[in-house]
Amino acid sequence: MWSQTIIPGEPRLLIVDGSGDVQGWEAEFCDRIWNVLARKGFRLVGEGPLRARNPEELAEHCRDQDSFNCMFLACHGKDTQSDVTVLAGYWEWLSQHQGPDPKLLAVCTWDDHDAETSESILESGDNIASLAVAPQSPLSPRAAGLFYMKFFTELGDHSSDSINGRMVWFSCSKARELLRRRRLPGQIGMRC
């Protein structure tokens, strides 16, 4: 049911805001997730979300592989008619970067969901994303925020010395249940 992949160490999360804040609310969305997880004691990398307008801005952080073992990438799924890179561009860049250690990649897109790229992320396992969580349908910002805050809270509470597929599955299941109870539509897939 889940892979034998083990990501060493307690979860250390790099939050990447790749949205460019083109609609004026996305940066606040990422800040809110950062603040909630920080209050809950989750180990976060940096002083706040990394604001990236293109994948090349991730290069410095990806060189320091030991600083994080989880990446949360919030970006637009489809063309935003601006100079901001969308999910396909980030995934193309990330999938070409193999790090020495396995990582968990959690991807968040909103109403402009890119089904093809999300499926590519969930089907691929031979790159930076050894374990992955990605949307399989459009998500409202509220649904996405609740899902990922619950997912990372559960992951942090139950993964003290390593992250494995079973814990990703458990955390994702708990977060999906929260959306179901709140009657918020949206499907999130996982590769664990």
C-alpha atoms as a PDB file:
ATOM      1  CA  MET A   1       0.000   0.000   0.000  1.00  0.00           C
ATOM      2  CA  TRP A   2       2.850   2.427   0.761  1.00  0.00           C
ATOM      3  CA  SER A   3       6.491   2.489  -0.238  1.00  0.00           C
ATOM      4  CA  GLN A   4       9.459   1.574   1.896  1.00  0.00           C
ATOM      5  CA  THR A   5      10.888   5.081   1.460  1.00  0.00           C
ATOM      6  CA  ILE A   6      12.126   6.597   4.695  1.00  0.00           C
ATOM      7  CA  ILE A   7      13.031  10.265   4.910  1.00  0.00           C
ATOM      8  CA  PRO A   8      15.450  10.669   7.816  1.00  0.00           C
ATOM      9  CA  GLY A   9      14.910  13.187  10.605  1.00  0.00           C
ATOM     10  CA  GLU A  10      11.904  14.955  11.998  1.00  0.00           C
ATOM     11  CA  PRO A  11       9.973  16.999   9.425  1.00  0.00           C
ATOM     12  CA  ARG A  12      11.797  20.232   8.452  1.00  0.00           C
ATOM     13  CA  LEU A  13       9.649  22.241   6.065  1.00  0.00           C
ATOM     14  CA  LEU A  14      10.639  24.726   3.377  1.00  0.00           C
ATOM     15  CA  ILE A  15       7.542  26.729   2.404  1.00  0.00           C
ATOM     16  CA  VAL A  16       7.805  28.120  -1.125  1.00  0.00           C
ATOM     17  CA  ASP A  17       5.376  30.795  -2.273  1.00  0.00           C
ATOM     18  CA  GLY A  18       5.679  30.522  -6.034  1.00  0.00           C
ATOM     19  CA  SER A  19       2.455  32.418  -6.719  1.00  0.00           C
ATOM     20  CA  GLY A  20       3.928  35.875  -7.275  1.00  0.00           C
ATOM     21  CA  ASP A  21       0.901  37.128  -5.301  1.00  0.00           C
ATOM     22  CA  VAL A  22      -0.728  37.873  -8.681  1.00  0.00           C
ATOM     23  CA  GLN A  23      -4.253  37.908  -7.257  1.00  0.00           C
ATOM     24  CA  GLY A  24      -3.293  39.752  -4.086  1.00  0.00           C
ATOM     25  CA  TRP A  25      -4.107  37.064  -1.501  1.00  0.00           C
ATOM     26  CA  GLU A  26      -1.616  34.258  -2.144  1.00  0.00           C
ATOM     27  CA  ALA A  27       1.279  35.683  -0.080  1.00  0.00           C
ATOM     28  CA  GLU A  28      -1.050  36.083   2.904  1.00  0.00           C
ATOM     29  CA  PHE A  29      -2.206  32.467   2.386  1.00  0.00           C
ATOM     30  CA  CYS A  30       1.405  31.223   2.648  1.00  0.00           C
ATOM     31  CA  ASP A  31       2.108  33.509   5.616  1.00  0.00           C
ATOM     32  CA  ARG A  32      -0.938  32.115   7.416  1.00  0.00           C
ATOM     33  CA  ILE A  33       0.222  28.529   6.912  1.00  0.00           C
ATOM     34  CA  TRP A  34       3.719  29.509   8.096  1.00  0.00           C
ATOM     35  CA  ASN A  35       2.337  31.212  11.223  1.00  0.00           C
ATOM     36  CA  VAL A  36      -0.001  28.361  12.174  1.00  0.00           C
ATOM     37  CA  LEU A  37       2.713  25.732  11.780  1.00  0.00           C
ATOM     38  CA  ALA A  38       5.228  27.897  13.677  1.00  0.00           C
ATOM     39  CA  ARG A  39       2.768  28.256  16.588  1.00  0.00           C
ATOM     40  CA  LYS A  40       2.344  24.484  16.627  1.00  0.00           C
ATOM     41  CA  GLY A  41       6.107  24.005  16.916  1.00  0.00           C
ATOM     42  CA  PHE A  42       6.691  22.603  13.428  1.00  0.00           C
ATOM     43  CA  ARG A  43      10.323  22.993  12.300  1.00  0.00           C
ATOM     44  CA  LEU A  44      10.327  25.560   9.500  1.00  0.00           C
ATOM     45  CA  VAL A  45      13.277  26.596   7.320  1.00  0.00           C
ATOM     46  CA  GLY A  46      14.041  30.316   7.056  1.00  0.00           C
ATOM     47  CA  GLU A  47      12.386  33.358   8.554  1.00  0.00           C
ATOM     48  CA  GLY A  48       9.224  33.035   6.486  1.00  0.00           C
ATOM     49  CA  PRO A  49       7.999  31.569   3.217  1.00  0.00           C
ATOM     50  CA  LEU A  50      10.494  31.719   0.363  1.00  0.00           C
ATOM     51  CA  ARG A  51       9.007  34.049  -2.265  1.00  0.00           C
ATOM     52  CA  ALA A  52       9.995  32.702  -5.678  1.00  0.00           C
ATOM     53  CA  ARG A  53       8.878  34.033  -9.040  1.00  0.00           C
ATOM     54  CA  ASN A  54      10.644  31.249 -10.938  1.00  0.00           C
ATOM     55  CA  PRO A  55      12.202  27.847 -10.196  1.00  0.00           C
ATOM     56  CA  GLU A  56      15.775  29.096 -10.464  1.00  0.00           C
ATOM     57  CA  GLU A  57      15.211  31.003  -7.216  1.00  0.00           C
ATOM     58  CA  LEU A  58      14.987  27.598  -5.489  1.00  0.00           C
ATOM     59  CA  ALA A  59      18.517  26.629  -6.548  1.00  0.00           C
ATOM     60  CA  GLU A  60      20.286  28.025  -3.483  1.00  0.00           C
ATOM     61  CA  HIS A  61      17.890  26.289  -1.095  1.00  0.00           C
ATOM     62  CA  CYS A  62      18.057  22.996  -2.993  1.00  0.00           C
ATOM     63  CA  ARG A  63      21.861  23.057  -2.761  1.00  0.00           C
ATOM     64  CA  ASP A  64      21.549  23.018   1.039  1.00  0.00           C
ATOM     65  CA  GLN A  65      19.800  19.631   1.049  1.00  0.00           C
ATOM     66  CA  ASP A  66      20.219  19.079   4.787  1.00  0.00           C
ATOM     67  CA  SER A  67      18.230  22.163   5.796  1.00  0.00           C
ATOM     68  CA  PHE A  68      14.871  20.631   4.819  1.00  0.00           C
ATOM     69  CA  ASN A  69      13.312  17.257   4.125  1.00  0.00           C
ATOM     70  CA  CYS A  70       9.839  18.536   3.152  1.00  0.00           C
ATOM     71  CA  MET A  71       8.884  21.199   0.630  1.00  0.00           C
ATOM     72  CA  PHE A  72       5.472  22.861   0.440  1.00  0.00           C
ATOM     73  CA  LEU A  73       5.100  24.541  -2.959  1.00  0.00           C
ATOM     74  CA  ALA A  74       2.145  26.895  -3.357  1.00  0.00           C
ATOM     75  CA  CYS A  75       1.780  28.178  -6.913  1.00  0.00           C
ATOM     76  CA  HIS A  76      -0.722  28.623  -9.688  1.00  0.00           C
ATOM     77  CA  GLY A  77      -1.624  25.569 -11.707  1.00  0.00           C
ATOM     78  CA  LYS A  78      -2.223  27.258 -15.030  1.00  0.00           C
ATOM     79  CA  ASP A  79      -1.221  30.393 -16.889  1.00  0.00           C
ATOM     80  CA  THR A  80      -1.800  33.489 -14.792  1.00  0.00           C
ATOM     81  CA  GLN A  81      -1.058  35.828 -17.718  1.00  0.00           C
ATOM     82  CA  SER A  82       1.884  37.260 -15.841  1.00  0.00           C
ATOM     83  CA  ASP A  83       5.590  36.573 -15.641  1.00  0.00           C
ATOM     84  CA  VAL A  84       5.133  34.175 -12.709  1.00  0.00           C
ATOM     85  CA  THR A  85       6.011  30.521 -13.287  1.00  0.00           C
ATOM     86  CA  VAL A  86       3.169  28.019 -12.894  1.00  0.00           C
ATOM     87  CA  LEU A  87       3.227  24.462 -11.520  1.00  0.00           C
ATOM     88  CA  ALA A  88       4.457  22.811 -14.742  1.00  0.00           C
ATOM     89  CA  GLY A  89       7.538  25.073 -14.773  1.00  0.00           C
ATOM     90  CA  TYR A  90       8.370  24.388 -11.128  1.00  0.00           C
ATOM     91  CA  TRP A  91       7.852  20.648 -11.575  1.00  0.00           C
ATOM     92  CA  GLU A  92      10.009  20.516 -14.698  1.00  0.00           C
ATOM     93  CA  TRP A  93      12.838  22.219 -12.794  1.00  0.00           C
ATOM     94  CA  LEU A  94      12.402  20.177  -9.584  1.00  0.00           C
ATOM     95  CA  SER A  95      12.146  16.847 -11.400  1.00  0.00           C
ATOM     96  CA  GLN A  96      15.598  17.422 -12.887  1.00  0.00           C
ATOM     97  CA  HIS A  97      17.209  17.929  -9.472  1.00  0.00           C
ATOM     98  CA  GLN A  98      18.064  14.768  -7.633  1.00  0.00           C
ATOM     99  CA  GLY A  99      19.228  15.367  -4.110  1.00  0.00           C
ATOM    100  CA  PRO A 100      21.267  13.004  -1.966  1.00  0.00           C
ATOM    101  CA  ASP A 101      18.353  12.516   0.436  1.00  0.00           C
ATOM    102  CA  PRO A 102      14.704  11.694  -0.241  1.00  0.00           C
ATOM    103  CA  LYS A 103      12.193  14.537   0.218  1.00  0.00           C
ATOM    104  CA  LEU A 104       8.453  14.958   0.675  1.00  0.00           C
ATOM    105  CA  LEU A 105       6.917  17.366  -1.848  1.00  0.00           C
ATOM    106  CA  ALA A 106       3.496  18.813  -1.050  1.00  0.00           C
ATOM    107  CA  VAL A 107       2.003  20.887  -3.855  1.00  0.00           C
ATOM    108  CA  CYS A 108      -0.818  23.382  -3.492  1.00  0.00           C
ATOM    109  CA  THR A 109      -2.654  24.927  -6.413  1.00  0.00           C
ATOM    110  CA  TRP A 110      -6.054  26.511  -6.144  1.00  0.00           C
ATOM    111  CA  ASP A 111      -8.946  26.993  -8.555  1.00  0.00           C
ATOM    112  CA  ASP A 112      -6.556  26.946 -11.548  1.00  0.00           C
ATOM    113  CA  HIS A 113      -5.708  23.262 -11.071  1.00  0.00           C
ATOM    114  CA  ASP A 114      -3.293  21.575 -13.533  1.00  0.00           C
ATOM    115  CA  ALA A 115      -4.418  17.938 -13.591  1.00  0.00           C
ATOM    116  CA  GLU A 116      -1.692  16.732 -15.952  1.00  0.00           C
ATOM    117  CA  THR A 117       1.204  18.086 -13.888  1.00  0.00           C
ATOM    118  CA  SER A 118      -0.339  16.934 -10.601  1.00  0.00           C
ATOM    119  CA  GLU A 119      -0.628  13.400 -11.976  1.00  0.00           C
ATOM    120  CA  SER A 120       2.963  13.550 -13.208  1.00  0.00           C
ATOM    121  CA  ILE A 121       4.081  14.481  -9.685  1.00  0.00           C
ATOM    122  CA  LEU A 122       2.075  11.657  -8.132  1.00  0.00           C
ATOM    123  CA  GLU A 123       3.350   9.057 -10.629  1.00  0.00           C
ATOM    124  CA  SER A 124       7.043   9.974 -10.613  1.00  0.00           C
ATOM    125  CA  GLY A 125       9.335   8.789  -7.868  1.00  0.00           C
ATOM    126  CA  ASP A 126      12.869   9.071  -9.178  1.00  0.00           C
ATOM    127  CA  ASN A 127      13.583  12.725  -8.429  1.00  0.00           C
ATOM    128  CA  ILE A 128      13.551  15.192  -5.547  1.00  0.00           C
ATOM    129  CA  ALA A 129      10.017  14.081  -4.581  1.00  0.00           C
ATOM    130  CA  SER A 130      10.363  10.609  -3.048  1.00  0.00           C
ATOM    131  CA  LEU A 131       6.970  11.051  -1.375  1.00  0.00           C
ATOM    132  CA  ALA A 132       4.354  13.469  -2.721  1.00  0.00           C
ATOM    133  CA  VAL A 133       0.991  15.076  -2.067  1.00  0.00           C
ATOM    134  CA  ALA A 134      -0.772  17.019  -4.837  1.00  0.00           C
ATOM    135  CA  PRO A 135      -4.274  18.224  -5.686  1.00  0.00           C
ATOM    136  CA  GLN A 136      -6.369  16.149  -8.065  1.00  0.00           C
ATOM    137  CA  SER A 137      -9.085  18.769  -8.444  1.00  0.00           C
ATOM    138  CA  PRO A 138      -9.492  22.516  -7.985  1.00  0.00           C
ATOM    139  CA  LEU A 139      -9.390  23.650  -4.349  1.00  0.00           C
ATOM    140  CA  SER A 140     -10.704  26.792  -2.769  1.00  0.00           C
ATOM    141  CA  PRO A 141      -8.095  28.689  -0.750  1.00  0.00           C
ATOM    142  CA  ARG A 142     -10.021  27.766   2.408  1.00  0.00           C
ATOM    143  CA  ALA A 143     -10.035  24.043   1.581  1.00  0.00           C
ATOM    144  CA  ALA A 144      -6.364  24.082   0.581  1.00  0.00           C
ATOM    145  CA  GLY A 145      -5.339  25.953   3.721  1.00  0.00           C
ATOM    146  CA  LEU A 146      -7.246  23.637   6.047  1.00  0.00           C
ATOM    147  CA  PHE A 147      -5.978  20.533   4.279  1.00  0.00           C
ATOM    148  CA  TYR A 148      -2.292  21.446   4.336  1.00  0.00           C
ATOM    149  CA  MET A 149      -2.317  22.848   7.872  1.00  0.00           C
ATOM    150  CA  LYS A 150      -3.936  19.616   9.107  1.00  0.00           C
ATOM    151  CA  PHE A 151      -1.624  17.455   6.961  1.00  0.00           C
ATOM    152  CA  PHE A 152       1.575  19.032   8.286  1.00  0.00           C
ATOM    153  CA  THR A 153       0.282  19.171  11.873  1.00  0.00           C
ATOM    154  CA  GLU A 154      -0.439  15.435  11.795  1.00  0.00           C
ATOM    155  CA  LEU A 155       2.879  14.714  10.100  1.00  0.00           C
ATOM    156  CA  GLY A 156       4.757  16.713  12.730  1.00  0.00           C
ATOM    157  CA  ASP A 157       2.871  15.072  15.602  1.00  0.00           C
ATOM    158  CA  HIS A 158       3.537  11.522  14.403  1.00  0.00           C
ATOM    159  CA  SER A 159       6.959  11.681  12.709  1.00  0.00           C
ATOM    160  CA  SER A 160       9.526  12.443  15.375  1.00  0.00           C
ATOM    161  CA  ASP A 161      12.636  10.830  13.903  1.00  0.00           C
ATOM    162  CA  SER A 162      11.728  10.040  10.272  1.00  0.00           C
ATOM    163  CA  ILE A 163       8.980  10.349   7.685  1.00  0.00           C
ATOM    164  CA  ASN A 164       7.688   7.258   5.941  1.00  0.00           C
ATOM    165  CA  GLY A 165       4.937   6.441   3.484  1.00  0.00           C
ATOM    166  CA  ARG A 166       2.636   5.195   6.188  1.00  0.00           C
ATOM    167  CA  MET A 167       2.795   8.532   8.041  1.00  0.00           C
ATOM    168  CA  VAL A 168       2.165  10.475   4.825  1.00  0.00           C
ATOM    169  CA  TRP A 169      -0.857   8.256   4.163  1.00  0.00           C
ATOM    170  CA  PHE A 170      -2.131   8.699   7.738  1.00  0.00           C
ATOM    171  CA  SER A 171      -1.650  12.497   7.701  1.00  0.00           C
ATOM    172  CA  CYS A 172      -3.286  12.839   4.296  1.00  0.00           C
ATOM    173  CA  SER A 173      -6.229  10.687   5.423  1.00  0.00           C
ATOM    174  CA  LYS A 174      -6.768  12.843   8.513  1.00  0.00           C
ATOM    175  CA  ALA A 175      -6.643  16.034   6.419  1.00  0.00           C
ATOM    176  CA  ARG A 176      -9.073  14.596   3.841  1.00  0.00           C
ATOM    177  CA  GLU A 177     -11.459  13.717   6.670  1.00  0.00           C
ATOM    178  CA  LEU A 178     -11.334  17.320   7.892  1.00  0.00           C
ATOM    179  CA  LEU A 179     -12.409  18.547   4.446  1.00  0.00           C
ATOM    180  CA  ARG A 180     -15.187  15.962   4.337  1.00  0.00           C
ATOM    181  CA  ARG A 181     -16.503  17.005   7.769  1.00  0.00           C
ATOM    182  CA  ARG A 182     -16.447  20.667   6.747  1.00  0.00           C
ATOM    183  CA  ARG A 183     -18.175  19.778   3.465  1.00  0.00           C
ATOM    184  CA  LEU A 184     -15.405  21.390   1.435  1.00  0.00           C
ATOM    185  CA  PRO A 185     -14.970  19.944  -2.057  1.00  0.00           C
ATOM    186  CA  GLY A 186     -11.616  18.896  -3.406  1.00  0.00           C
ATOM    187  CA  GLN A 187      -9.499  15.841  -4.003  1.00  0.00           C
ATOM    188  CA  ILE A 188      -5.865  15.507  -2.942  1.00  0.00           C
ATOM    189  CA  GLY A 189      -3.778  12.570  -4.059  1.00  0.00           C
ATOM    190  CA  MET A 190      -0.634  11.106  -2.575  1.00  0.00           C
ATOM    191  CA  ARG A 191       2.304   8.958  -3.532  1.00  0.00           C
ATOM    192  CA  CYS A 192       3.477   7.275  -0.391  1.00  0.00           C
END
